[in-house]
PDB file of N, CA and C in Angstrom:
ATOM      1  N   MET A   1      -6.834  -2.178  13.100  1.00  0.00           N
ATOM      2  CA  MET A   1      -5.682  -2.586  13.860  1.00  0.00           C
ATOM      3  C   MET A   1      -4.932  -3.725  13.167  1.00  0.00           C
ATOM      4  N   ILE A   2      -5.663  -4.581  12.467  1.00  0.00           N
ATOM      5  CA  ILE A   2      -5.046  -5.705  11.763  1.00  0.00           C
ATOM      6  C   ILE A   2      -4.074  -5.218  10.684  1.00  0.00           C
ATOM      7  N   PRO A   3      -4.430  -4.189   9.872  1.00  0.00           N
ATOM      8  CA  PRO A   3      -3.472  -3.722   8.871  1.00  0.00           C
ATOM      9  C   PRO A   3      -2.184  -3.191   9.494  1.00  0.00           C
ATOM     10  N   LEU A   4      -2.306  -2.474  10.605  1.00  0.00           N
ATOM     11  CA  LEU A   4      -1.122  -1.936  11.265  1.00  0.00           C
ATOM     12  C   LEU A   4      -0.256  -3.060  11.809  1.00  0.00           C
ATOM     13  N   LEU A   5      -0.877  -4.074  12.380  1.00  0.00           N
ATOM     14  CA  LEU A   5      -0.143  -5.226  12.882  1.00  0.00           C
ATOM     15  C   LEU A   5       0.575  -5.943  11.745  1.00  0.00           C
ATOM     16  N   GLY A   6      -0.091  -6.103  10.623  1.00  0.00           N
ATOM     17  CA  GLY A   6       0.531  -6.718   9.452  1.00  0.00           C
ATOM     18  C   GLY A   6       1.710  -5.917   8.940  1.00  0.00           C
ATOM     19  N   LEU A   7       1.579  -4.591   8.945  1.00  0.00           N
ATOM     20  CA  LEU A   7       2.669  -3.729   8.508  1.00  0.00           C
ATOM     21  C   LEU A   7       3.871  -3.874   9.430  1.00  0.00           C
ATOM     22  N   ILE A   8       3.626  -3.884  10.733  1.00  0.00           N
ATOM     23  CA  ILE A   8       4.721  -4.019  11.702  1.00  0.00           C
ATOM     24  C   ILE A   8       5.406  -5.373  11.564  1.00  0.00           C
ATOM     25  N   ILE A   9       4.630  -6.440  11.431  1.00  0.00           N
ATOM     26  CA  ILE A   9       5.208  -7.777  11.255  1.00  0.00           C
ATOM     27  C   ILE A   9       6.027  -7.843   9.965  1.00  0.00           C
ATOM     28  N   GLY A  10       5.498  -7.259   8.899  1.00  0.00           N
ATOM     29  CA  GLY A  10       6.232  -7.235   7.628  1.00  0.00           C
ATOM     30  C   GLY A  10       7.531  -6.471   7.723  1.00  0.00           C
ATOM     31  N   LEU A  11       7.517  -5.344   8.411  1.00  0.00           N
ATOM     32  CA  LEU A  11       8.745  -4.573   8.600  1.00  0.00           C
ATOM     33  C   LEU A  11       9.771  -5.344   9.416  1.00  0.00           C
ATOM     34  N   ILE A  12       9.328  -6.009  10.452  1.00  0.00           N
ATOM     35  CA  ILE A  12      10.251  -6.806  11.277  1.00  0.00           C
ATOM     36  C   ILE A  12      10.865  -7.935  10.457  1.00  0.00           C
ATOM     37  N   ILE A  13      10.038  -8.634   9.690  1.00  0.00           N
ATOM     38  CA  ILE A  13      10.553  -9.708   8.841  1.00  0.00           C
ATOM     39  C   ILE A  13      11.540  -9.150   7.823  1.00  0.00           C
ATOM     40  N   GLY A  14      11.209  -8.006   7.235  1.00  0.00           N
ATOM     41  CA  GLY A  14      12.092  -7.394   6.249  1.00  0.00           C
ATOM     42  C   GLY A  14      13.426  -6.967   6.828  1.00  0.00           C
ATOM     43  N   ILE A  15      13.429  -6.560   8.083  1.00  0.00           N
ATOM     44  CA  ILE A  15      14.676  -6.139   8.728  1.00  0.00           C
ATOM     45  C   ILE A  15      15.501  -7.354   9.143  1.00  0.00           C
ATOM     46  N   LEU A  16      14.838  -8.382   9.667  1.00  0.00           N
ATOM     47  CA  LEU A  16      15.553  -9.555  10.165  1.00  0.00           C
ATOM     48  C   LEU A  16      16.069 -10.463   9.051  1.00  0.00           C
ATOM     49  N   ILE A  17      15.387 -10.485   7.923  1.00  0.00           N
ATOM     50  CA  ILE A  17      15.801 -11.336   6.806  1.00  0.00           C
ATOM     51  C   ILE A  17      16.149 -10.427   5.630  1.00  0.00           C
ATOM     52  N   PRO A  18      17.384  -9.950   5.588  1.00  0.00           N
ATOM     53  CA  PRO A  18      17.755  -9.029   4.498  1.00  0.00           C
ATOM     54  C   PRO A  18      17.747  -9.739   3.138  1.00  0.00           C
ATOM     55  N   TYR A  19      17.194  -9.059   2.169  1.00  0.00           N
ATOM     56  CA  TYR A  19      17.114  -9.610   0.819  1.00  0.00           C
ATOM     57  C   TYR A  19      17.290  -8.457  -0.160  1.00  0.00           C
ATOM     58  N   ASN A  20      18.192  -8.619  -1.083  1.00  0.00           N
ATOM     59  CA  ASN A  20      18.414  -7.594  -2.103  1.00  0.00           C
ATOM     60  C   ASN A  20      17.637  -7.955  -3.353  1.00  0.00           C
ATOM     61  N   ILE A  21      16.814  -7.022  -3.788  1.00  0.00           N
ATOM     62  CA  ILE A  21      16.024  -7.224  -5.006  1.00  0.00           C
ATOM     63  C   ILE A  21      16.899  -6.852  -6.192  1.00  0.00           C
ATOM     64  N   PRO A  22      17.015  -7.729  -7.179  1.00  0.00           N
ATOM     65  CA  PRO A  22      17.823  -7.404  -8.359  1.00  0.00           C
ATOM     66  C   PRO A  22      17.313  -6.132  -9.047  1.00  0.00           C
ATOM     67  N   LYS A  23      18.243  -5.376  -9.612  1.00  0.00           N
ATOM     68  CA  LYS A  23      17.917  -4.083 -10.223  1.00  0.00           C
ATOM     69  C   LYS A  23      16.843  -4.197 -11.305  1.00  0.00           C
ATOM     70  N   GLU A  24      16.853  -5.269 -12.071  1.00  0.00           N
ATOM     71  CA  GLU A  24      15.862  -5.406 -13.154  1.00  0.00           C
ATOM     72  C   GLU A  24      14.439  -5.603 -12.634  1.00  0.00           C
ATOM     73  N   TYR A  25      14.287  -5.951 -11.359  1.00  0.00           N
ATOM     74  CA  TYR A  25      12.957  -6.120 -10.765  1.00  0.00           C
ATOM     75  C   TYR A  25      12.569  -4.972  -9.839  1.00  0.00           C
ATOM     76  N   SER A  26      13.397  -3.962  -9.755  1.00  0.00           N
ATOM     77  CA  SER A  26      13.152  -2.888  -8.789  1.00  0.00           C
ATOM     78  C   SER A  26      11.857  -2.118  -9.071  1.00  0.00           C
ATOM     79  N   ASN A  27      11.530  -1.872 -10.338  1.00  0.00           N
ATOM     80  CA  ASN A  27      10.272  -1.177 -10.649  1.00  0.00           C
ATOM     81  C   ASN A  27       9.062  -2.000 -10.219  1.00  0.00           C
ATOM     82  N   TYR A  28       9.118  -3.308 -10.453  1.00  0.00           N
ATOM     83  CA  TYR A  28       8.001  -4.179 -10.079  1.00  0.00           C
ATOM     84  C   TYR A  28       7.826  -4.196  -8.563  1.00  0.00           C
ATOM     85  N   ALA A  29       8.929  -4.351  -7.870  1.00  0.00           N
ATOM     86  CA  ALA A  29       8.870  -4.400  -6.406  1.00  0.00           C
ATOM     87  C   ALA A  29       8.396  -3.067  -5.835  1.00  0.00           C
ATOM     88  N   ALA A  30       8.867  -1.967  -6.403  1.00  0.00           N
ATOM     89  CA  ALA A  30       8.495  -0.646  -5.892  1.00  0.00           C
ATOM     90  C   ALA A  30       6.993  -0.397  -6.008  1.00  0.00           C
ATOM     91  N   VAL A  31       6.416  -0.690  -7.155  1.00  0.00           N
ATOM     92  CA  VAL A  31       4.979  -0.442  -7.305  1.00  0.00           C
ATOM     93  C   VAL A  31       4.157  -1.447  -6.502  1.00  0.00           C
ATOM     94  N   ALA A  32       4.655  -2.671  -6.359  1.00  0.00           N
ATOM     95  CA  ALA A  32       3.940  -3.657  -5.548  1.00  0.00           C
ATOM     96  C   ALA A  32       3.944  -3.237  -4.078  1.00  0.00           C
ATOM     97  N   ILE A  33       5.079  -2.735  -3.600  1.00  0.00           N
ATOM     98  CA  ILE A  33       5.158  -2.255  -2.214  1.00  0.00           C
ATOM     99  C   ILE A  33       4.265  -1.041  -2.024  1.00  0.00           C
ATOM    100  N   LEU A  34       4.272  -0.141  -2.974  1.00  0.00           N
ATOM    101  CA  LEU A  34       3.416   1.040  -2.883  1.00  0.00           C
ATOM    102  C   LEU A  34       1.940   0.648  -2.881  1.00  0.00           C
ATOM    103  N   ALA A  35       1.569  -0.326  -3.695  1.00  0.00           N
ATOM    104  CA  ALA A  35       0.183  -0.806  -3.720  1.00  0.00           C
ATOM    105  C   ALA A  35      -0.181  -1.452  -2.392  1.00  0.00           C
ATOM    106  N   ALA A  36       0.742  -2.212  -1.819  1.00  0.00           N
ATOM    107  CA  ALA A  36       0.490  -2.839  -0.522  1.00  0.00           C
ATOM    108  C   ALA A  36       0.322  -1.779   0.560  1.00  0.00           C
ATOM    109  N   LEU A  37       1.170  -0.744   0.551  1.00  0.00           N
ATOM    110  CA  LEU A  37       1.039   0.347   1.520  1.00  0.00           C
ATOM    111  C   LEU A  37      -0.285   1.077   1.354  1.00  0.00           C
ATOM    112  N   ASP A  38      -0.723   1.234   0.112  1.00  0.00           N
ATOM    113  CA  ASP A  38      -2.025   1.850  -0.135  1.00  0.00           C
ATOM    114  C   ASP A  38      -3.126   1.034   0.535  1.00  0.00           C
ATOM    115  N   SER A  39      -3.043  -0.281   0.426  1.00  0.00           N
ATOM    116  CA  SER A  39      -4.047  -1.137   1.052  1.00  0.00           C
ATOM    117  C   SER A  39      -3.987  -1.039   2.574  1.00  0.00           C
ATOM    118  N   VAL A  40      -2.782  -0.951   3.129  1.00  0.00           N
ATOM    119  CA  VAL A  40      -2.639  -0.836   4.578  1.00  0.00           C
ATOM    120  C   VAL A  40      -3.261   0.463   5.074  1.00  0.00           C
ATOM    121  N   PHE A  41      -2.940   1.579   4.411  1.00  0.00           N
ATOM    122  CA  PHE A  41      -3.522   2.856   4.820  1.00  0.00           C
ATOM    123  C   PHE A  41      -5.037   2.866   4.604  1.00  0.00           C
ATOM    124  N   GLY A  42      -5.493   2.236   3.523  1.00  0.00           N
ATOM    125  CA  GLY A  42      -6.930   2.124   3.293  1.00  0.00           C
ATOM    126  C   GLY A  42      -7.601   1.277   4.367  1.00  0.00           C
ATOM    127  N   GLY A  43      -6.929   0.214   4.802  1.00  0.00           N
ATOM    128  CA  GLY A  43      -7.461  -0.622   5.865  1.00  0.00           C
ATOM    129  C   GLY A  43      -7.526   0.121   7.188  1.00  0.00           C
ATOM    130  N   LEU A  44      -6.490   0.914   7.479  1.00  0.00           N
ATOM    131  CA  LEU A  44      -6.507   1.723   8.700  1.00  0.00           C
ATOM    132  C   LEU A  44      -7.650   2.738   8.667  1.00  0.00           C
ATOM    133  N   ALA A  45      -7.813   3.387   7.524  1.00  0.00           N
ATOM    134  CA  ALA A  45      -8.889   4.372   7.396  1.00  0.00           C
ATOM    135  C   ALA A  45     -10.253   3.695   7.537  1.00  0.00           C
ATOM    136  N   ALA A  46     -10.426   2.536   6.928  1.00  0.00           N
ATOM    137  CA  ALA A  46     -11.699   1.811   7.042  1.00  0.00           C
ATOM    138  C   ALA A  46     -11.939   1.365   8.478  1.00  0.00           C
ATOM    139  N   SER A  47     -10.883   0.960   9.149  1.00  0.00           N
ATOM    140  CA  SER A  47     -11.010   0.550  10.548  1.00  0.00           C
ATOM    141  C   SER A  47     -11.455   1.713  11.425  1.00  0.00           C
ATOM    142  N   MET A  48     -10.914   2.882  11.172  1.00  0.00           N
ATOM    143  CA  MET A  48     -11.288   4.059  11.954  1.00  0.00           C
ATOM    144  C   MET A  48     -12.705   4.514  11.623  1.00  0.00           C
ATOM    145  N   ASN A  49     -13.189   4.124  10.455  1.00  0.00           N
ATOM    146  CA  ASN A  49     -14.533   4.475  10.015  1.00  0.00           C
ATOM    147  C   ASN A  49     -15.532   3.359  10.347  1.00  0.00           C
ATOM    148  N   ASN A  50     -15.056   2.342  11.065  1.00  0.00           N
ATOM    149  CA  ASN A  50     -15.864   1.172  11.440  1.00  0.00           C
ATOM    150  C   ASN A  50     -16.466   0.453  10.238  1.00  0.00           C
ATOM    151  N   SER A  51     -15.713   0.403   9.138  1.00  0.00           N
ATOM    152  CA  SER A  51     -16.197  -0.294   7.947  1.00  0.00           C
ATOM    153  C   SER A  51     -15.154  -1.274   7.405  1.00  0.00           C
ATOM    154  N   PHE A  52     -14.233  -1.716   8.264  1.00  0.00           N
ATOM    155  CA  PHE A  52     -13.171  -2.624   7.836  1.00  0.00           C
ATOM    156  C   PHE A  52     -13.739  -4.014   7.565  1.00  0.00           C
ATOM    157  N   ASP A  53     -13.340  -4.578   6.424  1.00  0.00           N
ATOM    158  CA  ASP A  53     -13.719  -5.943   6.055  1.00  0.00           C
ATOM    159  C   ASP A  53     -12.458  -6.659   5.605  1.00  0.00           C
ATOM    160  N   ILE A  54     -12.110  -7.731   6.285  1.00  0.00           N
ATOM    161  CA  ILE A  54     -10.864  -8.444   6.005  1.00  0.00           C
ATOM    162  C   ILE A  54     -10.818  -8.976   4.579  1.00  0.00           C
ATOM    163  N   LYS A  55     -11.965  -9.391   4.022  1.00  0.00           N
ATOM    164  CA  LYS A  55     -11.986  -9.899   2.644  1.00  0.00           C
ATOM    165  C   LYS A  55     -11.637  -8.793   1.652  1.00  0.00           C
ATOM    166  N   ILE A  56     -12.191  -7.627   1.870  1.00  0.00           N
ATOM    167  CA  ILE A  56     -11.893  -6.494   0.985  1.00  0.00           C
ATOM    168  C   ILE A  56     -10.435  -6.089   1.139  1.00  0.00           C
ATOM    169  N   PHE A  57      -9.947  -6.081   2.382  1.00  0.00           N
ATOM    170  CA  PHE A  57      -8.553  -5.714   2.622  1.00  0.00           C
ATOM    171  C   PHE A  57      -7.597  -6.675   1.924  1.00  0.00           C
ATOM    172  N   LEU A  58      -7.793  -7.973   2.128  1.00  0.00           N
ATOM    173  CA  LEU A  58      -6.881  -8.956   1.532  1.00  0.00           C
ATOM    174  C   LEU A  58      -6.954  -8.968   0.010  1.00  0.00           C
ATOM    175  N   SER A  59      -8.167  -8.856  -0.526  1.00  0.00           N
ATOM    176  CA  SER A  59      -8.283  -8.849  -1.989  1.00  0.00           C
ATOM    177  C   SER A  59      -7.633  -7.590  -2.567  1.00  0.00           C
ATOM    178  N   GLY A  60      -7.779  -6.458  -1.888  1.00  0.00           N
ATOM    179  CA  GLY A  60      -7.127  -5.239  -2.349  1.00  0.00           C
ATOM    180  C   GLY A  60      -5.628  -5.302  -2.194  1.00  0.00           C
ATOM    181  N   PHE A  61      -5.166  -5.870  -1.085  1.00  0.00           N
ATOM    182  CA  PHE A  61      -3.732  -5.971  -0.819  1.00  0.00           C
ATOM    183  C   PHE A  61      -3.035  -6.768  -1.914  1.00  0.00           C
ATOM    184  N   PHE A  62      -3.508  -7.978  -2.154  1.00  0.00           N
ATOM    185  CA  PHE A  62      -2.863  -8.829  -3.153  1.00  0.00           C
ATOM    186  C   PHE A  62      -3.231  -8.430  -4.574  1.00  0.00           C
ATOM    187  N   GLY A  63      -4.486  -8.075  -4.801  1.00  0.00           N
ATOM    188  CA  GLY A  63      -4.916  -7.687  -6.143  1.00  0.00           C
ATOM    189  C   GLY A  63      -4.225  -6.431  -6.638  1.00  0.00           C
ATOM    190  N   ASN A  64      -4.170  -5.399  -5.791  1.00  0.00           N
ATOM    191  CA  ASN A  64      -3.502  -4.160  -6.190  1.00  0.00           C
ATOM    192  C   ASN A  64      -2.012  -4.374  -6.411  1.00  0.00           C
ATOM    193  N   SER A  65      -1.384  -5.177  -5.561  1.00  0.00           N
ATOM    194  CA  SER A  65       0.050  -5.436  -5.708  1.00  0.00           C
ATOM    195  C   SER A  65       0.342  -6.162  -7.016  1.00  0.00           C
ATOM    196  N   LEU A  66      -0.440  -7.176  -7.310  1.00  0.00           N
ATOM    197  CA  LEU A  66      -0.228  -7.920  -8.554  1.00  0.00           C
ATOM    198  C   LEU A  66      -0.534  -7.068  -9.781  1.00  0.00           C
ATOM    199  N   LEU A  67      -1.612  -6.295  -9.717  1.00  0.00           N
ATOM    200  CA  LEU A  67      -1.964  -5.435 -10.849  1.00  0.00           C
ATOM    201  C   LEU A  67      -0.890  -4.381 -11.094  1.00  0.00           C
ATOM    202  N   ALA A  68      -0.367  -3.796 -10.029  1.00  0.00           N
ATOM    203  CA  ALA A  68       0.678  -2.781 -10.175  1.00  0.00           C
ATOM    204  C   ALA A  68       1.941  -3.389 -10.782  1.00  0.00           C
ATOM    205  N   ALA A  69       2.336  -4.572 -10.310  1.00  0.00           N
ATOM    206  CA  ALA A  69       3.514  -5.233 -10.870  1.00  0.00           C
ATOM    207  C   ALA A  69       3.276  -5.600 -12.331  1.00  0.00           C
ATOM    208  N   LEU A  70       2.055  -6.025 -12.664  1.00  0.00           N
ATOM    209  CA  LEU A  70       1.718  -6.364 -14.048  1.00  0.00           C
ATOM    210  C   LEU A  70       1.788  -5.123 -14.942  1.00  0.00           C
ATOM    211  N   LEU A  71       1.283  -3.994 -14.449  1.00  0.00           N
ATOM    212  CA  LEU A  71       1.384  -2.746 -15.220  1.00  0.00           C
ATOM    213  C   LEU A  71       2.835  -2.359 -15.463  1.00  0.00           C
ATOM    214  N   ALA A  72       3.666  -2.521 -14.451  1.00  0.00           N
ATOM    215  CA  ALA A  72       5.088  -2.208 -14.618  1.00  0.00           C
ATOM    216  C   ALA A  72       5.717  -3.138 -15.651  1.00  0.00           C
ATOM    217  N   TYR A  73       5.345  -4.408 -15.624  1.00  0.00           N
ATOM    218  CA  TYR A  73       5.877  -5.377 -16.589  1.00  0.00           C
ATOM    219  C   TYR A  73       5.442  -5.023 -18.016  1.00  0.00           C
ATOM    220  N   ILE A  74       4.161  -4.738 -18.185  1.00  0.00           N
ATOM    221  CA  ILE A  74       3.652  -4.382 -19.519  1.00  0.00           C
ATOM    222  C   ILE A  74       4.345  -3.113 -20.018  1.00  0.00           C
ATOM    223  N   GLY A  75       4.503  -2.139 -19.113  1.00  0.00           N
ATOM    224  CA  GLY A  75       5.197  -0.915 -19.492  1.00  0.00           C
ATOM    225  C   GLY A  75       6.627  -1.174 -19.936  1.00  0.00           C
ATOM    226  N   ASP A  76       7.331  -2.078 -19.244  1.00  0.00           N
ATOM    227  CA  ASP A  76       8.698  -2.437 -19.644  1.00  0.00           C
ATOM    228  C   ASP A  76       8.713  -3.079 -21.022  1.00  0.00           C
ATOM    229  N   ARG A  77       7.762  -3.956 -21.281  1.00  0.00           N
ATOM    230  CA  ARG A  77       7.697  -4.629 -22.584  1.00  0.00           C
ATOM    231  C   ARG A  77       7.390  -3.639 -23.707  1.00  0.00           C
ATOM    232  N   LEU A  78       6.573  -2.622 -23.396  1.00  0.00           N
ATOM    233  CA  LEU A  78       6.224  -1.621 -24.405  1.00  0.00           C
ATOM    234  C   LEU A  78       7.261  -0.510 -24.519  1.00  0.00           C
ATOM    235  N   GLY A  79       8.169  -0.464 -23.568  1.00  0.00           N
ATOM    236  CA  GLY A  79       9.203   0.565 -23.583  1.00  0.00           C
ATOM    237  C   GLY A  79       8.733   1.913 -23.050  1.00  0.00           C
ATOM    238  N   ILE A  80       7.692   1.911 -22.220  1.00  0.00           N
ATOM    239  CA  ILE A  80       7.203   3.157 -21.618  1.00  0.00           C
ATOM    240  C   ILE A  80       7.198   3.006 -20.093  1.00  0.00           C
ATOM    241  N   SER A  81       7.205   4.112 -19.420  1.00  0.00           N
ATOM    242  CA  SER A  81       7.228   4.097 -17.954  1.00  0.00           C
ATOM    243  C   SER A  81       5.812   4.028 -17.400  1.00  0.00           C
ATOM    244  N   LEU A  82       5.149   2.936 -17.661  1.00  0.00           N
ATOM    245  CA  LEU A  82       3.768   2.759 -17.215  1.00  0.00           C
ATOM    246  C   LEU A  82       3.673   2.627 -15.700  1.00  0.00           C
ATOM    247  N   HIS A  83       4.767   2.227 -15.067  1.00  0.00           N
ATOM    248  CA  HIS A  83       4.752   2.095 -13.612  1.00  0.00           C
ATOM    249  C   HIS A  83       4.523   3.443 -12.927  1.00  0.00           C
ATOM    250  N   LEU A  84       4.830   4.535 -13.617  1.00  0.00           N
ATOM    251  CA  LEU A  84       4.630   5.860 -13.022  1.00  0.00           C
ATOM    252  C   LEU A  84       3.144   6.167 -12.807  1.00  0.00           C
ATOM    253  N   ALA A  85       2.282   5.599 -13.637  1.00  0.00           N
ATOM    254  CA  ALA A  85       0.839   5.784 -13.434  1.00  0.00           C
ATOM    255  C   ALA A  85       0.407   5.133 -12.124  1.00  0.00           C
ATOM    256  N   ALA A  86       0.930   3.940 -11.858  1.00  0.00           N
ATOM    257  CA  ALA A  86       0.614   3.261 -10.601  1.00  0.00           C
ATOM    258  C   ALA A  86       1.205   4.016  -9.421  1.00  0.00           C
ATOM    259  N   VAL A  87       2.407   4.535  -9.564  1.00  0.00           N
ATOM    260  CA  VAL A  87       3.039   5.315  -8.492  1.00  0.00           C
ATOM    261  C   VAL A  87       2.187   6.534  -8.168  1.00  0.00           C
ATOM    262  N   PHE A  88       1.713   7.225  -9.190  1.00  0.00           N
ATOM    263  CA  PHE A  88       0.881   8.407  -8.962  1.00  0.00           C
ATOM    264  C   PHE A  88      -0.439   8.023  -8.298  1.00  0.00           C
ATOM    265  N   ALA A  89      -1.112   7.008  -8.820  1.00  0.00           N
ATOM    266  CA  ALA A  89      -2.427   6.616  -8.289  1.00  0.00           C
ATOM    267  C   ALA A  89      -2.324   6.151  -6.840  1.00  0.00           C
ATOM    268  N   PHE A  90      -1.391   5.261  -6.565  1.00  0.00           N
ATOM    269  CA  PHE A  90      -1.269   4.744  -5.200  1.00  0.00           C
ATOM    270  C   PHE A  90      -0.736   5.806  -4.251  1.00  0.00           C
ATOM    271  N   GLY A  91       0.204   6.616  -4.718  1.00  0.00           N
ATOM    272  CA  GLY A  91       0.719   7.699  -3.874  1.00  0.00           C
ATOM    273  C   GLY A  91      -0.376   8.676  -3.497  1.00  0.00           C
ATOM    274  N   ASN A  92      -1.207   9.024  -4.444  1.00  0.00           N
ATOM    275  CA  ASN A  92      -2.323   9.930  -4.183  1.00  0.00           C
ATOM    276  C   ASN A  92      -3.282   9.331  -3.156  1.00  0.00           C
ATOM    277  N   ARG A  93      -3.617   8.062  -3.316  1.00  0.00           N
ATOM    278  CA  ARG A  93      -4.536   7.414  -2.373  1.00  0.00           C
ATOM    279  C   ARG A  93      -3.936   7.286  -0.981  1.00  0.00           C
ATOM    280  N   ILE A  94      -2.635   7.038  -0.911  1.00  0.00           N
ATOM    281  CA  ILE A  94      -1.983   6.956   0.397  1.00  0.00           C
ATOM    282  C   ILE A  94      -2.123   8.284   1.125  1.00  0.00           C
ATOM    283  N   PHE A  95      -1.869   9.389   0.434  1.00  0.00           N
ATOM    284  CA  PHE A  95      -1.971  10.699   1.076  1.00  0.00           C
ATOM    285  C   PHE A  95      -3.416  11.043   1.438  1.00  0.00           C
ATOM    286  N   LEU A  96      -4.376  10.637   0.613  1.00  0.00           N
ATOM    287  CA  LEU A  96      -5.789  10.866   0.949  1.00  0.00           C
ATOM    288  C   LEU A  96      -6.186  10.080   2.198  1.00  0.00           C
ATOM    289  N   ASN A  97      -5.784   8.817   2.248  1.00  0.00           N
ATOM    290  CA  ASN A  97      -6.101   8.004   3.419  1.00  0.00           C
ATOM    291  C   ASN A  97      -5.380   8.519   4.661  1.00  0.00           C
ATOM    292  N   PHE A  98      -4.135   8.952   4.498  1.00  0.00           N
ATOM    293  CA  PHE A  98      -3.403   9.508   5.633  1.00  0.00           C
ATOM    294  C   PHE A  98      -4.096  10.761   6.153  1.00  0.00           C
ATOM    295  N   GLY A  99      -4.586  11.595   5.261  1.00  0.00           N
ATOM    296  CA  GLY A  99      -5.324  12.792   5.666  1.00  0.00           C
ATOM    297  C   GLY A  99      -6.576  12.433   6.449  1.00  0.00           C
ATOM    298  N   PHE A 100      -7.294  11.411   5.990  1.00  0.00           N
ATOM    299  CA  PHE A 100      -8.498  10.956   6.697  1.00  0.00           C
ATOM    300  C   PHE A 100      -8.138  10.442   8.088  1.00  0.00           C
ATOM    301  N   ILE A 101      -7.085   9.622   8.167  1.00  0.00           N
ATOM    302  CA  ILE A 101      -6.644   9.070   9.453  1.00  0.00           C
ATOM    303  C   ILE A 101      -6.236  10.202  10.392  1.00  0.00           C
ATOM    304  N   ARG A 102      -5.486  11.160   9.884  1.00  0.00           N
ATOM    305  CA  ARG A 102      -5.037  12.294  10.691  1.00  0.00           C
ATOM    306  C   ARG A 102      -6.216  13.084  11.241  1.00  0.00           C
ATOM    307  N   ARG A 103      -7.207  13.366  10.386  1.00  0.00           N
ATOM    308  CA  ARG A 103      -8.394  14.101  10.842  1.00  0.00           C
ATOM    309  C   ARG A 103      -9.165  13.326  11.901  1.00  0.00           C
ATOM    310  N   LYS A 104      -9.311  12.019  11.707  1.00  0.00           N
ATOM    311  CA  LYS A 104     -10.021  11.196  12.687  1.00  0.00           C
ATOM    312  C   LYS A 104      -9.298  11.199  14.033  1.00  0.00           C
ATOM    313  N   LEU A 105      -7.977  11.101  13.995  1.00  0.00           N
ATOM    314  CA  LEU A 105      -7.205  11.109  15.241  1.00  0.00           C
ATOM    315  C   LEU A 105      -7.318  12.454  15.948  1.00  0.00           C
ATOM    316  N   ILE A 106      -7.278  13.536  15.192  1.00  0.00           N
ATOM    317  CA  ILE A 106      -7.408  14.869  15.784  1.00  0.00           C
ATOM    318  C   ILE A 106      -8.802  15.052  16.376  1.00  0.00           C
ATOM    319  N   GLU A 107      -9.836  14.626  15.646  1.00  0.00           N
ATOM    320  CA  GLU A 107     -11.203  14.705  16.168  1.00  0.00           C
ATOM    321  C   GLU A 107     -11.367  13.894  17.447  1.00  0.00           C
ATOM    322  N   LYS A 108     -10.775  12.711  17.455  1.00  0.00           N
ATOM    323  CA  LYS A 108     -10.868  11.827  18.615  1.00  0.00           C
ATOM    324  C   LYS A 108     -10.171  12.437  19.833  1.00  0.00           C
ATOM    325  N   ASN A 109      -9.031  13.069  19.603  1.00  0.00           N
ATOM    326  CA  ASN A 109      -8.279  13.659  20.709  1.00  0.00           C
ATOM    327  C   ASN A 109      -8.880  14.978  21.202  1.00  0.00           C
ATOM    328  N   THR A 110      -9.568  15.708  20.331  1.00  0.00           N
ATOM    329  CA  THR A 110     -10.174  16.985  20.775  1.00  0.00           C
ATOM    330  C   THR A 110     -11.482  16.744  21.505  1.00  0.00           C
ATOM    331  N   GLU A 111     -12.101  15.573  21.322  1.00  0.00           N
ATOM    332  CA  GLU A 111     -13.344  15.261  22.031  1.00  0.00           C
ATOM    333  C   GLU A 111     -13.093  14.975  23.496  1.00  0.00           C
ATOM    334  N   LYS A 112     -11.885  14.538  23.831  1.00  0.00           N
ATOM    335  CA  LYS A 112     -11.586  14.168  25.226  1.00  0.00           C
ATOM    336  C   LYS A 112     -11.413  15.343  26.128  1.00  0.00           C
TER     337      LYS A 112
END
């Protein structure tokens, strides 16, 4: 529940305080946001599996975001689209976690 609450609070802050990210930083921001969303979905899945740990969630949230932005930066310096590897990895994990969450919700609702 904590990851979902954090996501909602972040969305509200993002809507109320508009900020335009400069075009030269868009790749970094995109992969960092995708990494953060991966952590949120992973936290939701762990919560539904009764294995949520706030330390693991926070370290993954910030660590994955920073690592993804760093990969995008290194890729820019090398002249390759290294950020696409992070997009693929995090996108894949988001869909896997979403599938797990969906199955858990369906199982929970069919038991009633």
